[in-house]
């Protein structure tokens, strides 16, 4: 078998270098494009993407989000139920029994917790993110009033309730409880 011709190795190396440079230019243009989109979103001129929370939809002109009333009523009901002292599991169970809007897999404790605990889109805030080492990480400051706020006041009323519940659980010794005869 004959060794490869030296000219082929140089051609391959050149093609690899050109491919790398082309990819690098594309990456820079894409970053510039997203920076510009974020600037427009911060100024309220345009939304970054059509992706939005399940209780909203992007308008046809792409400049604002429209509220889906049936869905926002259910989200508000979740906060009312929490203020009434119900836990996430019970809220999910009760909502699944009612004939109300639900995510495609039904209401789950984890989704209820996500809404109650830290979903700032409910109060209109959007946190742009970028991927670093395969994880979504915040990119810049949150954009206030990006989304229509749907549970502004009640969101802040529920947070101390959640904090108190968390503090109660932190003092509770799960192992000692399980070791006791019932």
Foldseek 3Di string as FASTA:
>chain_A
DDDDDPVVVVVVVVVVVVVVVVVVVVVVVVVVVQVVLVVCLLVLNAHNDQDDDPQWGADPVRRAIDGNVQVLVLLLVLLVVVVVPDALQVSQVVQQPDPGDAPPVGRDSVVSCCSQEDDCVLQQKAFDWDDDPNDTDGDDDIRHNSHHHRCNPSSVVNHVVVVVVVVVVVPDDPVVVVPDDD
